[in-house]
Protein backbone atom coordinates (compact mmCIF):
# COMPACT_ATOMS: atom_id res chain seq x y z
CA MET A 1 48.17 -10.87 -35.41
CA LEU A 2 45.07 -9.32 -33.87
CA THR A 3 42.97 -12.17 -35.22
CA HIS A 4 45.30 -14.68 -33.66
CA ILE A 5 45.08 -13.01 -30.23
CA TRP A 6 41.25 -12.88 -30.53
CA LEU A 7 41.10 -16.63 -31.41
CA VAL A 8 43.36 -17.43 -28.44
CA PHE A 9 40.92 -15.52 -26.22
CA LEU A 10 37.91 -17.39 -27.56
CA ASN A 11 39.60 -20.69 -26.93
CA THR A 12 40.63 -19.78 -23.41
CA PRO A 13 39.01 -21.89 -20.65
CA LEU A 14 36.41 -20.08 -18.56
CA GLY A 15 38.71 -20.14 -15.58
CA SER A 16 41.42 -18.13 -17.32
CA HIS A 17 41.42 -14.49 -18.51
CA PHE A 18 43.74 -12.21 -20.46
CA SER A 19 44.31 -8.55 -19.75
CA ALA A 20 43.12 -6.10 -22.38
CA VAL A 21 46.72 -5.09 -23.10
CA GLY A 22 49.17 -7.96 -23.87
CA ARG A 23 48.60 -11.56 -23.03
CA VAL A 24 48.88 -11.59 -19.22
CA ARG A 25 46.87 -14.47 -17.79
CA LEU A 26 44.85 -13.89 -14.60
CA SER A 27 44.03 -16.81 -12.33
CA ASP A 28 40.58 -17.37 -10.92
CA ILE A 29 41.75 -15.96 -7.54
CA GLU A 30 43.02 -12.80 -9.22
CA VAL A 31 39.83 -12.41 -11.23
CA GLN A 32 37.75 -12.64 -8.04
CA THR A 33 40.17 -10.20 -6.35
CA VAL A 34 39.55 -7.73 -9.17
CA ARG A 35 35.76 -8.10 -8.96
CA ASP A 36 35.79 -7.77 -5.17
CA PHE A 37 38.00 -4.72 -5.41
CA VAL A 38 35.64 -2.96 -7.84
CA ALA A 39 32.69 -3.81 -5.59
CA GLN A 40 34.45 -2.39 -2.53
CA HIS A 41 35.46 0.79 -4.43
CA LYS A 42 32.24 1.34 -6.38
CA HIS A 43 32.47 5.11 -5.79
CA ASP A 44 35.66 5.28 -7.86
CA SER A 45 35.97 5.23 -11.60
CA LEU A 46 37.29 2.15 -13.51
CA VAL A 47 40.43 4.14 -14.37
CA ASP A 48 41.08 4.82 -10.69
CA ASN A 49 40.39 1.23 -9.85
CA ALA A 50 42.84 0.01 -12.43
CA ALA A 51 45.57 2.25 -11.10
CA ALA A 52 44.81 1.21 -7.53
CA LEU A 53 44.87 -2.55 -8.37
CA LYS A 54 48.28 -2.11 -9.96
CA GLU A 55 49.64 -0.26 -6.95
CA GLN A 56 47.98 -2.29 -4.15
CA LYS A 57 47.53 -5.76 -5.62
CA ASP A 58 50.24 -5.82 -8.31
CA ILE A 59 47.56 -6.67 -10.86
CA ASP A 60 48.20 -4.86 -14.18
CA ILE A 61 44.79 -4.55 -15.88
CA SER A 62 43.29 -1.83 -18.10
CA ALA A 63 40.12 0.03 -17.29
CA ALA A 64 38.41 -1.51 -20.39
CA TRP A 65 39.15 -4.99 -19.27
CA LEU A 66 38.21 -4.12 -15.74
CA GLY A 67 34.82 -3.10 -17.11
CA TYR A 68 34.47 -6.41 -18.90
CA LEU A 69 35.21 -8.38 -15.72
CA ALA A 70 32.73 -6.28 -13.82
CA LYS A 71 30.02 -6.91 -16.40
CA THR A 72 30.74 -10.71 -16.51
CA ASP A 73 30.62 -11.08 -12.74
CA PRO A 74 28.37 -14.12 -11.94
CA GLU A 75 26.80 -11.93 -9.27
CA ARG A 76 26.22 -9.34 -11.95
CA LEU A 77 27.77 -5.95 -11.38
CA HIS A 78 25.67 -3.28 -13.17
CA PRO A 79 26.34 0.35 -14.00
CA TYR A 80 24.17 2.68 -11.83
CA SER A 81 23.79 6.45 -11.87
CA MET A 82 24.65 7.73 -8.45
CA GLN A 83 22.12 10.13 -6.86
CA TYR A 84 22.72 13.31 -5.08
CA LYS A 85 21.09 13.13 -1.63
CA PRO A 86 21.16 15.65 1.24
CA GLU A 87 22.58 14.61 4.63
CA LEU A 88 19.74 13.69 7.01
CA THR A 89 20.07 14.24 10.70
CA ALA A 90 17.99 12.36 13.31
CA GLU A 91 15.70 15.43 13.56
CA HIS A 92 15.25 15.50 9.76
CA LYS A 93 14.33 11.83 9.74
CA GLN A 94 11.87 12.22 12.59
CA ALA A 95 10.17 15.17 10.90
CA ARG A 96 9.99 13.36 7.58
CA GLU A 97 8.42 10.25 9.16
CA GLU A 98 5.88 12.34 11.01
CA PHE A 99 4.99 14.29 7.90
CA CYS A 100 4.49 11.08 5.90
CA GLU A 101 2.42 9.50 8.70
CA GLU A 102 0.19 12.58 8.78
CA HIS A 103 -0.17 12.78 4.94
CA LYS A 104 -0.10 9.15 3.87
CA ASP A 105 -3.88 9.27 3.07
CA THR A 106 -3.88 12.77 1.63
CA HIS A 107 -5.72 13.57 -1.62
CA TRP A 108 -2.63 14.71 -3.54
CA ALA A 109 -4.57 15.63 -6.71
CA VAL A 110 -5.45 19.06 -5.17
CA TYR A 111 -1.77 19.97 -4.66
CA ILE A 112 0.27 22.31 -6.72
CA TRP A 113 3.94 21.37 -6.54
CA THR A 114 6.55 24.12 -6.76
CA ASP A 115 10.30 24.57 -6.51
CA GLU A 116 13.14 26.88 -7.65
CA PHE A 117 15.78 25.35 -9.84
CA THR A 118 19.27 26.44 -10.76
CA ILE A 119 20.13 25.11 -14.19
CA TYR A 120 23.73 24.44 -15.28
CA PRO A 121 23.88 24.37 -19.10
CA ALA A 122 27.55 23.34 -18.94
CA GLY A 123 26.63 20.06 -17.34
CA LYS A 124 27.70 20.53 -13.73
CA ASN A 125 26.19 18.03 -11.32
CA GLY A 126 26.19 15.56 -14.23
CA LYS A 127 25.82 11.80 -14.07
CA VAL A 128 28.34 9.79 -12.04
CA ILE A 129 28.35 6.10 -12.82
CA CYS A 130 29.48 3.35 -10.51
CA TRP A 131 29.39 -0.47 -10.66
CA ALA A 132 27.35 -2.32 -8.09
CA ARG A 133 25.64 -5.68 -7.75
CA ASN A 134 22.26 -4.00 -7.03
CA LYS A 135 20.87 -0.55 -6.61
CA ALA A 136 20.92 -0.75 -2.80
CA ASP A 137 24.76 -0.93 -2.94
CA VAL A 138 25.06 2.36 -4.81
CA PRO A 139 26.44 5.08 -2.47
CA ARG A 140 24.76 8.46 -2.48
CA LEU A 141 26.52 11.58 -3.62
CA ARG A 142 26.13 14.53 -1.29
CA THR A 143 24.68 17.62 -2.81
CA LYS A 144 27.08 20.40 -3.72
CA LYS A 145 26.47 24.02 -4.59
CA PHE A 146 27.87 25.61 -7.73
CA PRO A 147 27.81 29.12 -9.18
CA PRO A 148 24.33 29.45 -10.86
CA GLY A 149 23.79 29.29 -14.60
CA PHE A 150 20.26 30.59 -14.47
CA GLN A 151 17.25 30.06 -12.18
CA VAL A 152 13.67 29.18 -12.91
CA PHE A 153 10.58 28.90 -10.72
CA ALA A 154 8.41 25.97 -11.71
CA ALA A 155 5.02 24.61 -10.68
CA PHE A 156 2.71 21.78 -11.78
CA THR A 157 -0.42 19.95 -10.74
CA ARG A 158 -1.67 16.44 -11.67
CA GLU A 159 -3.52 17.94 -14.63
CA GLY A 160 -0.88 20.16 -16.16
CA VAL A 161 2.13 22.39 -15.84
CA PHE A 162 2.26 26.09 -15.24
CA GLN A 163 4.50 28.51 -17.05
CA LEU A 164 8.22 28.34 -16.30
CA ARG A 165 9.21 31.62 -14.71
CA LEU A 166 12.74 32.91 -15.25
CA VAL A 167 14.42 34.56 -12.27
CA HIS A 168 15.99 37.84 -13.37
CA GLY A 169 18.98 38.78 -11.22
CA LYS A 170 19.31 37.67 -7.65
CA LEU A 171 16.21 36.03 -6.15
CA ASN A 172 14.95 37.95 -3.09
CA SER A 173 11.65 38.29 -1.34
CA GLN A 174 10.51 41.18 -3.57
CA SER A 175 11.30 39.44 -6.86
CA PHE A 176 10.04 36.15 -5.57
CA THR A 177 6.58 37.52 -4.56
CA ARG A 178 6.27 39.02 -8.00
CA LEU A 179 6.79 35.52 -9.43
CA LEU A 180 4.27 34.16 -6.97
CA ASP A 181 1.69 36.75 -7.89
CA GLY A 182 2.03 35.79 -11.56
CA LEU A 183 1.65 32.13 -10.67
CA PHE A 184 -1.45 32.82 -8.51
CA LYS A 185 -3.05 34.69 -11.42
CA GLU A 186 -2.33 31.76 -13.72
CA ILE A 187 -3.68 29.30 -11.20
CA HIS A 188 -6.90 31.28 -10.87
CA ALA A 189 -7.23 31.57 -14.70
CA VAL A 190 -6.70 27.83 -15.18
CA ARG A 191 -8.52 26.41 -12.19
CA GLY A 192 -11.16 29.11 -11.56
CA GLY A 193 -12.82 28.53 -8.21
CA VAL A 194 -11.31 25.11 -7.58
CA GLN A 195 -9.44 25.12 -4.25
CA CYS A 196 -5.88 23.87 -4.16
CA ILE A 197 -2.97 23.49 -1.73
CA LEU A 198 0.31 25.09 -2.67
CA MET A 199 3.28 22.99 -1.72
CA HIS A 200 6.52 24.70 -0.86
CA ASP A 201 9.69 23.49 0.85
CA ASN A 202 9.99 26.13 3.53
CA ALA A 203 13.14 27.55 2.02
CA SER A 204 14.20 30.93 3.40
CA ILE A 205 12.64 32.70 0.41
CA TRP A 206 9.27 31.30 1.47
CA THR A 207 9.66 31.93 5.20
CA SER A 208 10.90 35.53 5.00
CA LYS A 209 8.62 38.18 6.65
CA PHE A 210 7.98 39.83 3.34
CA THR A 211 6.82 36.61 1.68
CA ARG A 212 4.67 35.59 4.63
CA GLU A 213 2.91 38.90 4.65
CA PHE A 214 2.32 38.74 0.90
CA LEU A 215 0.78 35.25 1.30
CA ALA A 216 -1.29 36.30 4.29
CA HIS A 217 -2.85 39.24 2.44
CA HIS A 218 -3.21 37.84 -1.05
CA PRO A 219 -6.87 37.72 -2.12
CA LEU A 220 -6.70 34.15 -3.35
CA VAL A 221 -5.18 32.99 -0.13
CA MET A 222 -7.61 35.01 2.04
CA SER A 223 -10.49 33.46 0.02
CA LYS A 224 -9.09 29.98 0.70
CA LEU A 225 -8.83 29.27 -3.05
CA ILE A 226 -5.06 28.78 -2.53
CA THR A 227 -3.83 27.36 0.78
CA PRO A 228 -0.05 27.33 1.35
CA LEU A 229 1.08 24.03 2.82
CA LYS A 230 2.39 24.11 6.33
CA GLY A 231 4.79 21.65 7.92
CA TRP A 232 6.78 20.42 4.93
CA SER A 233 9.81 18.56 6.32
CA ALA A 234 13.25 19.88 5.45
CA CYS A 235 15.68 18.02 3.24
CA SER A 236 12.90 16.07 1.42
CA PRO A 237 13.44 16.52 -2.38
CA ASP A 238 12.55 12.77 -2.71
CA LEU A 239 8.99 13.55 -1.53
CA ASN A 240 8.51 16.35 -4.03
CA PRO A 241 7.60 14.98 -7.47
CA ILE A 242 8.56 18.22 -9.24
CA GLU A 243 12.21 17.16 -8.70
CA ASN A 244 11.53 14.10 -10.83
CA LEU A 245 9.70 16.13 -13.43
CA MET A 246 12.56 18.55 -13.84
CA ALA A 247 15.04 15.71 -14.11
CA ILE A 248 12.88 14.17 -16.88
CA CYS A 249 12.82 17.50 -18.73
CA LYS A 250 16.59 18.04 -18.38
CA ARG A 251 17.30 14.61 -19.82
CA ALA A 252 15.07 15.45 -22.78
CA VAL A 253 16.83 18.78 -23.26
CA ARG A 254 20.25 17.00 -23.26
CA LYS A 255 18.98 14.67 -26.00
CA ARG A 256 17.76 17.70 -28.07
CA LEU A 257 20.99 19.56 -27.64
CA ALA A 258 23.05 16.42 -28.52
CA LYS A 259 21.46 16.56 -31.98
CA LEU A 260 22.71 20.09 -32.65
CA PRO A 261 26.04 20.69 -34.40
CA ALA A 262 29.05 20.90 -32.13
CA SER A 263 29.70 24.38 -33.35
CA VAL A 264 26.47 25.63 -31.68
CA GLU A 265 27.29 27.13 -28.29
CA ARG A 266 25.22 25.69 -25.39
CA THR A 267 24.18 29.00 -23.86
CA CYS A 268 21.74 29.65 -21.05
CA GLU A 269 19.39 31.22 -23.52
CA LEU A 270 19.48 28.12 -25.82
CA TYR A 271 19.01 25.79 -22.91
CA LEU A 272 16.05 27.77 -21.53
CA GLU A 273 14.45 27.78 -24.98
CA HIS A 274 14.62 23.96 -25.24
CA LEU A 275 13.63 23.52 -21.58
CA THR A 276 10.51 25.65 -22.08
CA VAL A 277 9.44 23.54 -25.09
CA VAL A 278 10.00 20.25 -23.30
CA TRP A 279 8.33 21.48 -20.10
CA ASN A 280 5.21 22.71 -21.93
CA LYS A 281 4.92 19.42 -23.82
CA THR A 282 5.02 17.20 -20.76
CA ALA A 283 2.52 14.35 -21.17
CA ARG A 284 -0.37 14.42 -18.71
CA ARG A 285 0.15 10.74 -17.99
CA THR A 286 3.69 11.62 -16.74
CA LEU A 287 2.25 14.19 -14.34
CA GLN A 288 -0.41 11.80 -13.15
CA HIS A 289 2.12 9.06 -12.55
CA LEU A 290 4.40 11.35 -10.52
CA VAL A 291 1.59 12.61 -8.31
CA ASP A 292 0.08 9.17 -7.92
CA SER A 293 3.46 7.92 -6.56
CA LEU A 294 3.12 9.97 -3.44
CA PRO A 295 1.40 7.24 -1.34
CA LYS A 296 4.25 4.88 -2.23
CA ARG A 297 6.85 7.50 -1.39
CA CYS A 298 5.28 8.16 2.02
CA ALA A 299 5.05 4.46 2.77
CA GLU A 300 8.69 3.93 1.84
CA CYS A 301 9.82 6.89 4.03
CA ILE A 302 7.89 5.47 7.01
CA LEU A 303 9.32 2.05 6.40
CA ARG A 304 12.80 3.48 6.46
CA ASN A 305 12.10 5.53 9.60
CA GLY A 306 12.36 8.80 7.76
CA ASP A 307 15.50 8.04 5.77
CA ALA A 308 15.83 9.01 2.11
CA THR A 309 13.74 6.96 -0.41
CA ASP A 310 14.81 5.86 -3.91
CA SER A 311 12.34 8.16 -5.55
């Protein structure tokens, strides 16, 4: 019986379609209606789209068949991973554009990129897939905050990564400056007397009075061997390549964990262990590619009048 249905499908003219369940024929008009509906509701899952089509258009079609029609659209609907992007106000955009104009010709190789990351071993903030005809049509997901799994402080330069530093307990100015002091000692040990610029995102932990005083009186800062960057524009994760680097590492960790038996619990300790290994093994060409992308990122930000880039 199944063979008979499959043969019927293969011999069906291109203008006709069968639903994945049963043998309901869809006209060309209905097929286009389905494809247009998916394109207009690209932020919804195929299951939700199938339910909405049945309710609103009286078209009974399964999510699996809906996916087939989407993939065989002559204008090519593709699956894209939706990105989390912060909301940008007019002030944000102006500041971002001014920053990129000022730094478009900067020698980025002397920069050390830093950020604090909250890691969710359970997979929160995971991938969300939507169907779209091109990447420009993919809507942005707005960032959301979740209870933390664990936090790490990370830093890298074009030539290598620095040690991942685990945040113990709640991150405050005192604990953060201890992490910074450890990073500064590592920077001095690795780079010696080579001057560098320390990028930071002006988060409250950086701008607190305690942290500012620590930076102002630290010997490596006073000697100009380390210069904290001033004027970083808010809401600009797309301009910070360490965001991309951490995303690359987290994908690699997911692949490593996927190979473990299902009985192995995905704990914070296990995740951190694998993340540390992946982070330390990052290829230098990856770091160089990320840092060398900064001129392109700045140019794209300027072209978009400060709006978010695709980086």
